[in-house]
Amino acid sequence: MRRLLFIFIVMSFFSGEASADTYTLYFSRHMEKTTDKTDPDLSLVGKQRAQVLAQVLKNSDIEAIFSTDFKRTQQTAEALAKQLGLSVETYPAKDFKGIVTSLKELKKNALIIGHSNTVPELVKAAGGSADKLGEEDFGDLFQVVISGDSVITNRLYVPVIQ
């Protein structure tokens, strides 16, 4: 019995050590916007999709949320932030390496909201793979699982439920 208990304690220790270096980053473009003005809000469909994103990620142990300083990215992140009681931290839209370096140092599950021309670059900077996004692409969600030196990328989709 003591031997079994010892094996269980040792296995628990090593499995905890392995998972300490494993975290998941979720990257998404902002949801649908209203117009082409300089800093538009989310459209009704965009707000609905942001709510679905919050529901999809509510049990993902997200500990940090990052967004650029634009209204549409902030509003996309807002639904999950409210649900989890987190604040949305801003980052410079073109600072791919800076935000990813911060995320890798943080080693926590996080959601990062960007733009069609920045999300693929952010995913790549994190070690994942991503194709370009077009202006009409909304709802793509990149899940980048980092475990030590191993990186796995999954491309998911957030639907609109009306």
N, C-alpha and C. Protein backbone atom coordinates (compact mmCIF):
# COMPACT_ATOMS: atom_id res chain seq x y z
N MET A 1 0.82 -1.20 0.00
CA MET A 1 0.00 0.00 0.00
C MET A 1 0.86 1.25 0.00
N ARG A 2 1.94 1.25 0.83
CA ARG A 2 2.83 2.41 0.88
C ARG A 2 3.50 2.62 -0.48
N ARG A 3 3.85 1.48 -1.13
CA ARG A 3 4.50 1.56 -2.43
C ARG A 3 3.56 2.20 -3.45
N LEU A 4 2.31 1.80 -3.46
CA LEU A 4 1.32 2.35 -4.37
C LEU A 4 1.12 3.85 -4.11
N LEU A 5 1.06 4.24 -2.86
CA LEU A 5 0.92 5.64 -2.50
C LEU A 5 2.13 6.44 -2.99
N PHE A 6 3.32 5.90 -2.82
CA PHE A 6 4.55 6.56 -3.28
C PHE A 6 4.52 6.76 -4.80
N ILE A 7 4.13 5.72 -5.54
CA ILE A 7 4.05 5.81 -7.00
C ILE A 7 3.04 6.89 -7.40
N PHE A 8 1.90 6.93 -6.74
CA PHE A 8 0.88 7.94 -7.03
C PHE A 8 1.41 9.34 -6.79
N ILE A 9 2.12 9.55 -5.68
CA ILE A 9 2.68 10.87 -5.37
C ILE A 9 3.72 11.27 -6.40
N VAL A 10 4.59 10.35 -6.77
CA VAL A 10 5.62 10.65 -7.78
C VAL A 10 4.98 10.97 -9.13
N MET A 11 3.99 10.18 -9.54
CA MET A 11 3.31 10.44 -10.81
C MET A 11 2.60 11.78 -10.78
N SER A 12 1.99 12.12 -9.68
CA SER A 12 1.30 13.41 -9.55
C SER A 12 2.29 14.56 -9.68
N PHE A 13 3.45 14.40 -9.07
CA PHE A 13 4.49 15.43 -9.14
C PHE A 13 4.94 15.65 -10.57
N PHE A 14 5.24 14.58 -11.30
CA PHE A 14 5.74 14.72 -12.66
C PHE A 14 4.66 15.18 -13.62
N SER A 15 3.43 14.75 -13.44
CA SER A 15 2.37 15.23 -14.33
C SER A 15 2.10 16.70 -14.09
N GLY A 16 2.24 17.16 -12.85
CA GLY A 16 2.09 18.58 -12.55
C GLY A 16 3.21 19.39 -13.17
N GLU A 17 4.43 18.85 -13.14
CA GLU A 17 5.57 19.53 -13.74
C GLU A 17 5.38 19.67 -15.25
N ALA A 18 4.91 18.62 -15.90
CA ALA A 18 4.74 18.65 -17.35
C ALA A 18 3.67 19.66 -17.74
N SER A 19 2.56 19.73 -16.99
CA SER A 19 1.49 20.64 -17.34
C SER A 19 1.80 22.10 -17.00
N ALA A 20 2.77 22.34 -16.15
CA ALA A 20 3.13 23.71 -15.80
C ALA A 20 3.67 24.46 -17.02
N ASP A 21 4.27 23.74 -17.97
CA ASP A 21 4.78 24.36 -19.18
C ASP A 21 3.81 24.26 -20.35
N THR A 22 2.59 23.83 -20.09
CA THR A 22 1.60 23.71 -21.14
C THR A 22 0.52 24.77 -20.95
N TYR A 23 0.29 25.52 -22.00
CA TYR A 23 -0.75 26.54 -21.95
C TYR A 23 -1.30 26.73 -23.36
N THR A 24 -2.47 27.35 -23.45
CA THR A 24 -3.15 27.51 -24.73
C THR A 24 -3.43 28.98 -25.00
N LEU A 25 -3.07 29.40 -26.20
CA LEU A 25 -3.35 30.75 -26.65
C LEU A 25 -4.43 30.68 -27.73
N TYR A 26 -5.45 31.50 -27.59
CA TYR A 26 -6.51 31.58 -28.57
C TYR A 26 -6.41 32.92 -29.28
N PHE A 27 -6.32 32.88 -30.61
CA PHE A 27 -6.20 34.10 -31.40
C PHE A 27 -7.44 34.22 -32.29
N SER A 28 -8.04 35.41 -32.29
CA SER A 28 -9.21 35.64 -33.13
C SER A 28 -9.19 37.05 -33.67
N ARG A 29 -9.68 37.18 -34.87
CA ARG A 29 -9.91 38.51 -35.43
C ARG A 29 -11.15 39.07 -34.74
N HIS A 30 -11.25 40.40 -34.68
CA HIS A 30 -12.49 41.00 -34.17
C HIS A 30 -13.66 40.51 -35.00
N MET A 31 -14.84 40.60 -34.45
CA MET A 31 -16.03 40.15 -35.16
C MET A 31 -16.52 41.26 -36.10
N GLU A 32 -17.62 41.01 -36.80
CA GLU A 32 -18.12 41.92 -37.82
C GLU A 32 -18.28 43.34 -37.30
N LYS A 33 -17.87 44.31 -38.12
CA LYS A 33 -17.94 45.72 -37.75
C LYS A 33 -19.07 46.41 -38.51
N THR A 34 -19.44 47.62 -38.06
CA THR A 34 -20.57 48.32 -38.65
C THR A 34 -20.27 48.94 -40.00
N THR A 35 -19.22 49.73 -40.09
CA THR A 35 -18.92 50.45 -41.34
C THR A 35 -17.41 50.49 -41.55
N ASP A 36 -17.03 51.19 -42.58
CA ASP A 36 -15.60 51.33 -42.86
C ASP A 36 -15.00 52.59 -42.27
N LYS A 37 -15.68 53.24 -41.32
CA LYS A 37 -15.09 54.42 -40.71
C LYS A 37 -13.84 54.03 -39.93
N THR A 38 -13.09 54.99 -39.45
CA THR A 38 -11.79 54.76 -38.83
C THR A 38 -11.80 53.77 -37.68
N ASP A 39 -12.73 53.90 -36.75
CA ASP A 39 -12.77 53.02 -35.58
C ASP A 39 -14.21 52.58 -35.31
N PRO A 40 -14.74 51.70 -36.17
CA PRO A 40 -16.15 51.31 -36.04
C PRO A 40 -16.42 50.39 -34.85
N ASP A 41 -17.67 50.38 -34.42
CA ASP A 41 -18.16 49.46 -33.41
C ASP A 41 -18.47 48.12 -34.08
N LEU A 42 -18.78 47.12 -33.27
CA LEU A 42 -19.26 45.85 -33.82
C LEU A 42 -20.70 46.03 -34.30
N SER A 43 -21.03 45.32 -35.36
CA SER A 43 -22.41 45.29 -35.84
C SER A 43 -23.22 44.36 -34.91
N LEU A 44 -24.51 44.28 -35.13
CA LEU A 44 -25.35 43.38 -34.35
C LEU A 44 -24.87 41.93 -34.50
N VAL A 45 -24.56 41.52 -35.72
CA VAL A 45 -24.05 40.17 -35.96
C VAL A 45 -22.71 39.98 -35.26
N GLY A 46 -21.86 41.00 -35.30
CA GLY A 46 -20.57 40.93 -34.62
C GLY A 46 -20.72 40.77 -33.11
N LYS A 47 -21.68 41.49 -32.54
CA LYS A 47 -21.95 41.37 -31.10
C LYS A 47 -22.45 39.96 -30.76
N GLN A 48 -23.31 39.43 -31.62
CA GLN A 48 -23.83 38.07 -31.40
C GLN A 48 -22.70 37.05 -31.47
N ARG A 49 -21.81 37.21 -32.47
CA ARG A 49 -20.70 36.26 -32.60
C ARG A 49 -19.73 36.39 -31.42
N ALA A 50 -19.54 37.60 -30.91
CA ALA A 50 -18.67 37.81 -29.74
C ALA A 50 -19.25 37.08 -28.52
N GLN A 51 -20.59 37.08 -28.39
CA GLN A 51 -21.24 36.34 -27.30
C GLN A 51 -21.02 34.83 -27.45
N VAL A 52 -21.08 34.35 -28.68
CA VAL A 52 -20.85 32.92 -28.93
C VAL A 52 -19.39 32.58 -28.60
N LEU A 53 -18.47 33.45 -28.98
CA LEU A 53 -17.05 33.25 -28.64
C LEU A 53 -16.88 33.11 -27.13
N ALA A 54 -17.56 33.96 -26.38
CA ALA A 54 -17.49 33.90 -24.91
C ALA A 54 -18.02 32.56 -24.41
N GLN A 55 -19.09 32.08 -25.00
CA GLN A 55 -19.65 30.78 -24.59
C GLN A 55 -18.71 29.63 -24.94
N VAL A 56 -18.10 29.72 -26.12
CA VAL A 56 -17.17 28.67 -26.56
C VAL A 56 -15.96 28.58 -25.62
N LEU A 57 -15.47 29.73 -25.15
CA LEU A 57 -14.24 29.76 -24.35
C LEU A 57 -14.46 29.83 -22.84
N LYS A 58 -15.70 29.84 -22.40
CA LYS A 58 -15.97 30.05 -20.97
C LYS A 58 -15.34 29.00 -20.06
N ASN A 59 -15.14 27.78 -20.53
CA ASN A 59 -14.54 26.72 -19.71
C ASN A 59 -13.12 26.38 -20.14
N SER A 60 -12.45 27.31 -20.78
CA SER A 60 -11.09 27.08 -21.30
C SER A 60 -10.00 27.56 -20.35
N ASP A 61 -10.37 27.89 -19.14
CA ASP A 61 -9.40 28.37 -18.14
C ASP A 61 -8.59 29.57 -18.62
N ILE A 62 -9.25 30.48 -19.32
CA ILE A 62 -8.60 31.71 -19.78
C ILE A 62 -8.26 32.55 -18.55
N GLU A 63 -7.01 32.98 -18.47
CA GLU A 63 -6.55 33.79 -17.34
C GLU A 63 -6.17 35.21 -17.74
N ALA A 64 -6.09 35.47 -19.05
CA ALA A 64 -5.73 36.81 -19.51
C ALA A 64 -6.37 37.04 -20.88
N ILE A 65 -6.76 38.28 -21.12
CA ILE A 65 -7.37 38.66 -22.41
C ILE A 65 -6.66 39.91 -22.91
N PHE A 66 -6.25 39.86 -24.19
CA PHE A 66 -5.53 40.96 -24.81
C PHE A 66 -6.25 41.39 -26.07
N SER A 67 -6.18 42.69 -26.35
CA SER A 67 -6.84 43.25 -27.52
C SER A 67 -6.08 44.49 -27.96
N THR A 68 -6.20 44.83 -29.24
CA THR A 68 -5.67 46.12 -29.68
C THR A 68 -6.58 47.21 -29.12
N ASP A 69 -6.24 48.44 -29.37
CA ASP A 69 -6.96 49.57 -28.77
C ASP A 69 -8.17 50.03 -29.59
N PHE A 70 -8.55 49.27 -30.59
CA PHE A 70 -9.69 49.65 -31.43
C PHE A 70 -11.00 49.17 -30.79
N LYS A 71 -12.07 49.93 -31.03
CA LYS A 71 -13.37 49.58 -30.43
C LYS A 71 -13.82 48.17 -30.80
N ARG A 72 -13.66 47.80 -32.06
CA ARG A 72 -14.15 46.49 -32.51
C ARG A 72 -13.41 45.33 -31.84
N THR A 73 -12.12 45.48 -31.56
CA THR A 73 -11.39 44.41 -30.89
C THR A 73 -11.74 44.39 -29.40
N GLN A 74 -11.85 45.57 -28.81
CA GLN A 74 -12.22 45.66 -27.39
C GLN A 74 -13.61 45.07 -27.17
N GLN A 75 -14.55 45.38 -28.05
CA GLN A 75 -15.92 44.87 -27.92
C GLN A 75 -15.99 43.36 -28.13
N THR A 76 -15.13 42.83 -28.99
CA THR A 76 -15.08 41.38 -29.20
C THR A 76 -14.61 40.68 -27.93
N ALA A 77 -13.63 41.25 -27.27
CA ALA A 77 -13.06 40.65 -26.05
C ALA A 77 -13.94 40.86 -24.83
N GLU A 78 -14.76 41.88 -24.85
CA GLU A 78 -15.55 42.31 -23.69
C GLU A 78 -16.48 41.24 -23.13
N ALA A 79 -17.16 40.49 -24.00
CA ALA A 79 -18.14 39.50 -23.53
C ALA A 79 -17.48 38.44 -22.64
N LEU A 80 -16.35 37.90 -23.09
CA LEU A 80 -15.66 36.89 -22.28
C LEU A 80 -15.05 37.52 -21.04
N ALA A 81 -14.50 38.71 -21.17
CA ALA A 81 -13.89 39.39 -20.02
C ALA A 81 -14.92 39.59 -18.91
N LYS A 82 -16.12 40.04 -19.26
CA LYS A 82 -17.18 40.23 -18.27
C LYS A 82 -17.56 38.90 -17.63
N GLN A 83 -17.72 37.88 -18.45
CA GLN A 83 -18.12 36.57 -17.95
C GLN A 83 -17.10 36.01 -16.97
N LEU A 84 -15.80 36.24 -17.23
CA LEU A 84 -14.75 35.69 -16.39
C LEU A 84 -14.25 36.65 -15.31
N GLY A 85 -14.75 37.89 -15.34
CA GLY A 85 -14.30 38.87 -14.36
C GLY A 85 -12.87 39.32 -14.59
N LEU A 86 -12.46 39.37 -15.85
CA LEU A 86 -11.10 39.80 -16.21
C LEU A 86 -11.14 41.15 -16.90
N SER A 87 -10.02 41.84 -16.87
CA SER A 87 -9.91 43.07 -17.64
C SER A 87 -9.24 42.75 -18.97
N VAL A 88 -9.49 43.59 -19.96
CA VAL A 88 -8.88 43.42 -21.27
C VAL A 88 -7.65 44.32 -21.31
N GLU A 89 -6.50 43.70 -21.52
CA GLU A 89 -5.25 44.45 -21.62
C GLU A 89 -4.98 44.76 -23.08
N THR A 90 -4.52 45.98 -23.35
CA THR A 90 -4.26 46.37 -24.74
C THR A 90 -2.80 46.14 -25.11
N TYR A 91 -2.60 45.92 -26.40
CA TYR A 91 -1.26 45.78 -26.96
C TYR A 91 -1.23 46.50 -28.31
N PRO A 92 -0.05 46.95 -28.74
CA PRO A 92 0.07 47.61 -30.05
C PRO A 92 -0.23 46.61 -31.18
N ALA A 93 -1.09 46.99 -32.11
CA ALA A 93 -1.56 46.08 -33.15
C ALA A 93 -0.45 45.45 -33.97
N LYS A 94 0.62 46.14 -34.24
CA LYS A 94 1.68 45.60 -35.10
C LYS A 94 2.85 45.00 -34.34
N ASP A 95 2.76 44.93 -33.02
CA ASP A 95 3.87 44.40 -32.21
C ASP A 95 3.70 42.90 -31.97
N PHE A 96 3.83 42.12 -33.06
CA PHE A 96 3.63 40.67 -32.97
C PHE A 96 4.60 40.03 -31.98
N LYS A 97 5.86 40.33 -32.14
CA LYS A 97 6.88 39.70 -31.31
C LYS A 97 6.75 40.13 -29.85
N GLY A 98 6.44 41.39 -29.61
CA GLY A 98 6.33 41.89 -28.24
C GLY A 98 5.22 41.21 -27.45
N ILE A 99 4.03 41.13 -28.04
CA ILE A 99 2.91 40.52 -27.33
C ILE A 99 3.14 39.02 -27.16
N VAL A 100 3.68 38.36 -28.19
CA VAL A 100 3.91 36.91 -28.08
C VAL A 100 5.01 36.62 -27.06
N THR A 101 6.04 37.44 -27.00
CA THR A 101 7.08 37.27 -25.99
C THR A 101 6.46 37.39 -24.60
N SER A 102 5.60 38.38 -24.40
CA SER A 102 4.92 38.55 -23.12
C SER A 102 4.05 37.34 -22.78
N LEU A 103 3.34 36.82 -23.78
CA LEU A 103 2.47 35.66 -23.57
C LEU A 103 3.28 34.42 -23.20
N LYS A 104 4.41 34.23 -23.85
CA LYS A 104 5.26 33.07 -23.55
C LYS A 104 5.88 33.17 -22.16
N GLU A 105 6.17 34.39 -21.73
CA GLU A 105 6.68 34.57 -20.36
C GLU A 105 5.57 34.35 -19.34
N LEU A 106 4.37 34.75 -19.68
CA LEU A 106 3.21 34.60 -18.80
C LEU A 106 2.85 33.12 -18.60
N LYS A 107 2.93 32.33 -19.66
CA LYS A 107 2.62 30.89 -19.64
C LYS A 107 1.24 30.61 -19.05
N LYS A 108 0.25 31.39 -19.51
CA LYS A 108 -1.13 31.20 -19.06
C LYS A 108 -2.03 31.11 -20.28
N ASN A 109 -3.16 30.46 -20.11
CA ASN A 109 -4.15 30.43 -21.18
C ASN A 109 -4.65 31.85 -21.40
N ALA A 110 -4.71 32.25 -22.67
CA ALA A 110 -5.08 33.63 -22.97
C ALA A 110 -5.84 33.71 -24.28
N LEU A 111 -6.67 34.74 -24.39
CA LEU A 111 -7.36 35.10 -25.63
C LEU A 111 -6.73 36.38 -26.14
N ILE A 112 -6.39 36.41 -27.42
CA ILE A 112 -5.80 37.58 -28.04
C ILE A 112 -6.66 37.95 -29.25
N ILE A 113 -7.20 39.16 -29.24
CA ILE A 113 -8.04 39.63 -30.34
C ILE A 113 -7.23 40.61 -31.19
N GLY A 114 -7.24 40.35 -32.49
CA GLY A 114 -6.49 41.20 -33.43
C GLY A 114 -7.31 41.51 -34.66
N HIS A 115 -6.62 41.59 -35.78
CA HIS A 115 -7.21 42.02 -37.05
C HIS A 115 -6.88 41.00 -38.14
N SER A 116 -7.54 41.11 -39.29
CA SER A 116 -7.32 40.15 -40.37
C SER A 116 -5.86 40.11 -40.81
N ASN A 117 -5.18 41.25 -40.74
CA ASN A 117 -3.77 41.30 -41.17
C ASN A 117 -2.79 41.05 -40.04
N THR A 118 -3.27 40.87 -38.81
CA THR A 118 -2.34 40.63 -37.70
C THR A 118 -2.49 39.25 -37.06
N VAL A 119 -3.68 38.68 -37.06
CA VAL A 119 -3.89 37.38 -36.39
C VAL A 119 -2.99 36.29 -36.96
N PRO A 120 -2.91 36.11 -38.29
CA PRO A 120 -2.00 35.07 -38.80
C PRO A 120 -0.55 35.31 -38.37
N GLU A 121 -0.12 36.56 -38.33
CA GLU A 121 1.25 36.88 -37.93
C GLU A 121 1.46 36.58 -36.44
N LEU A 122 0.46 36.84 -35.62
CA LEU A 122 0.54 36.52 -34.20
C LEU A 122 0.65 35.01 -33.98
N VAL A 123 -0.17 34.26 -34.70
CA VAL A 123 -0.15 32.80 -34.59
C VAL A 123 1.23 32.28 -34.96
N LYS A 124 1.78 32.79 -36.06
CA LYS A 124 3.11 32.36 -36.51
C LYS A 124 4.19 32.76 -35.50
N ALA A 125 4.07 33.94 -34.92
CA ALA A 125 5.05 34.39 -33.92
C ALA A 125 5.01 33.50 -32.68
N ALA A 126 3.85 32.90 -32.41
CA ALA A 126 3.72 31.99 -31.26
C ALA A 126 4.22 30.59 -31.60
N GLY A 127 4.60 30.37 -32.86
CA GLY A 127 5.11 29.07 -33.27
C GLY A 127 4.09 28.21 -34.00
N GLY A 128 2.89 28.75 -34.20
CA GLY A 128 1.83 28.01 -34.88
C GLY A 128 1.82 28.27 -36.37
N SER A 129 0.79 27.76 -37.03
CA SER A 129 0.65 27.97 -38.47
C SER A 129 -0.73 28.54 -38.76
N ALA A 130 -0.77 29.49 -39.70
CA ALA A 130 -2.04 30.12 -40.04
C ALA A 130 -1.98 30.68 -41.45
N ASP A 131 -3.06 30.48 -42.19
CA ASP A 131 -3.20 31.10 -43.51
C ASP A 131 -3.67 32.53 -43.34
N LYS A 132 -3.53 33.31 -44.40
CA LYS A 132 -4.00 34.69 -44.37
C LYS A 132 -5.51 34.73 -44.18
N LEU A 133 -5.98 35.81 -43.57
CA LEU A 133 -7.40 36.05 -43.43
C LEU A 133 -7.78 37.19 -44.37
N GLY A 134 -8.93 37.07 -45.00
CA GLY A 134 -9.42 38.13 -45.86
C GLY A 134 -10.31 39.09 -45.09
N GLU A 135 -10.66 40.18 -45.72
CA GLU A 135 -11.52 41.18 -45.09
C GLU A 135 -12.89 40.61 -44.73
N GLU A 136 -13.32 39.58 -45.44
CA GLU A 136 -14.63 38.99 -45.19
C GLU A 136 -14.59 37.82 -44.21
N ASP A 137 -13.42 37.48 -43.72
CA ASP A 137 -13.28 36.35 -42.80
C ASP A 137 -13.52 36.78 -41.35
N PHE A 138 -14.61 36.27 -40.80
CA PHE A 138 -14.95 36.50 -39.40
C PHE A 138 -15.25 35.15 -38.75
N GLY A 139 -14.92 35.01 -37.49
CA GLY A 139 -15.25 33.79 -36.77
C GLY A 139 -14.14 32.77 -36.70
N ASP A 140 -13.01 33.00 -37.37
CA ASP A 140 -11.90 32.06 -37.28
C ASP A 140 -11.26 32.20 -35.90
N LEU A 141 -11.01 31.06 -35.27
CA LEU A 141 -10.41 31.02 -33.94
C LEU A 141 -9.25 30.05 -33.99
N PHE A 142 -8.05 30.55 -33.77
CA PHE A 142 -6.85 29.72 -33.78
C PHE A 142 -6.50 29.34 -32.35
N GLN A 143 -6.42 28.05 -32.12
CA GLN A 143 -6.04 27.52 -30.82
C GLN A 143 -4.59 27.05 -30.95
N VAL A 144 -3.69 27.67 -30.19
CA VAL A 144 -2.27 27.32 -30.23
C VAL A 144 -1.90 26.75 -28.86
N VAL A 145 -1.66 25.44 -28.84
CA VAL A 145 -1.31 24.76 -27.60
C VAL A 145 0.21 24.65 -27.55
N ILE A 146 0.80 25.23 -26.51
CA ILE A 146 2.25 25.23 -26.35
C ILE A 146 2.60 24.37 -25.15
N SER A 147 3.42 23.36 -25.40
CA SER A 147 3.86 22.45 -24.34
C SER A 147 5.36 22.27 -24.49
N GLY A 148 6.12 23.03 -23.69
CA GLY A 148 7.57 23.00 -23.83
C GLY A 148 7.96 23.53 -25.19
N ASP A 149 8.64 22.70 -25.98
CA ASP A 149 9.05 23.08 -27.34
C ASP A 149 8.06 22.67 -28.41
N SER A 150 7.00 21.98 -28.01
CA SER A 150 6.00 21.49 -28.94
C SER A 150 4.85 22.50 -29.08
N VAL A 151 4.42 22.73 -30.33
CA VAL A 151 3.31 23.64 -30.60
C VAL A 151 2.32 22.95 -31.53
N ILE A 152 1.06 22.96 -31.14
CA ILE A 152 0.00 22.39 -31.96
C ILE A 152 -0.99 23.51 -32.27
N THR A 153 -1.36 23.64 -33.55
CA THR A 153 -2.32 24.67 -33.96
C THR A 153 -3.60 24.00 -34.45
N ASN A 154 -4.73 24.49 -33.95
CA ASN A 154 -6.04 24.05 -34.43
C ASN A 154 -6.78 25.29 -34.92
N ARG A 155 -7.39 25.19 -36.08
CA ARG A 155 -8.19 26.30 -36.60
C ARG A 155 -9.66 25.92 -36.40
N LEU A 156 -10.31 26.72 -35.58
CA LEU A 156 -11.71 26.48 -35.24
C LEU A 156 -12.57 27.58 -35.85
N TYR A 157 -13.88 27.46 -35.71
CA TYR A 157 -14.78 28.47 -36.25
C TYR A 157 -15.88 28.78 -35.23
N VAL A 158 -16.12 30.07 -35.03
CA VAL A 158 -17.16 30.54 -34.12
C VAL A 158 -18.36 30.95 -34.97
N PRO A 159 -19.47 30.22 -34.89
CA PRO A 159 -20.63 30.55 -35.73
C PRO A 159 -21.45 31.68 -35.13
N VAL A 160 -22.35 32.19 -35.93
CA VAL A 160 -23.33 33.15 -35.43
C VAL A 160 -24.61 32.38 -35.20
N ILE A 161 -25.20 32.53 -34.01
CA ILE A 161 -26.46 31.86 -33.69
C ILE A 161 -27.50 32.96 -33.52
N GLN A 162 -28.46 32.98 -34.44
CA GLN A 162 -29.46 34.04 -34.40
C GLN A 162 -30.80 33.52 -33.98
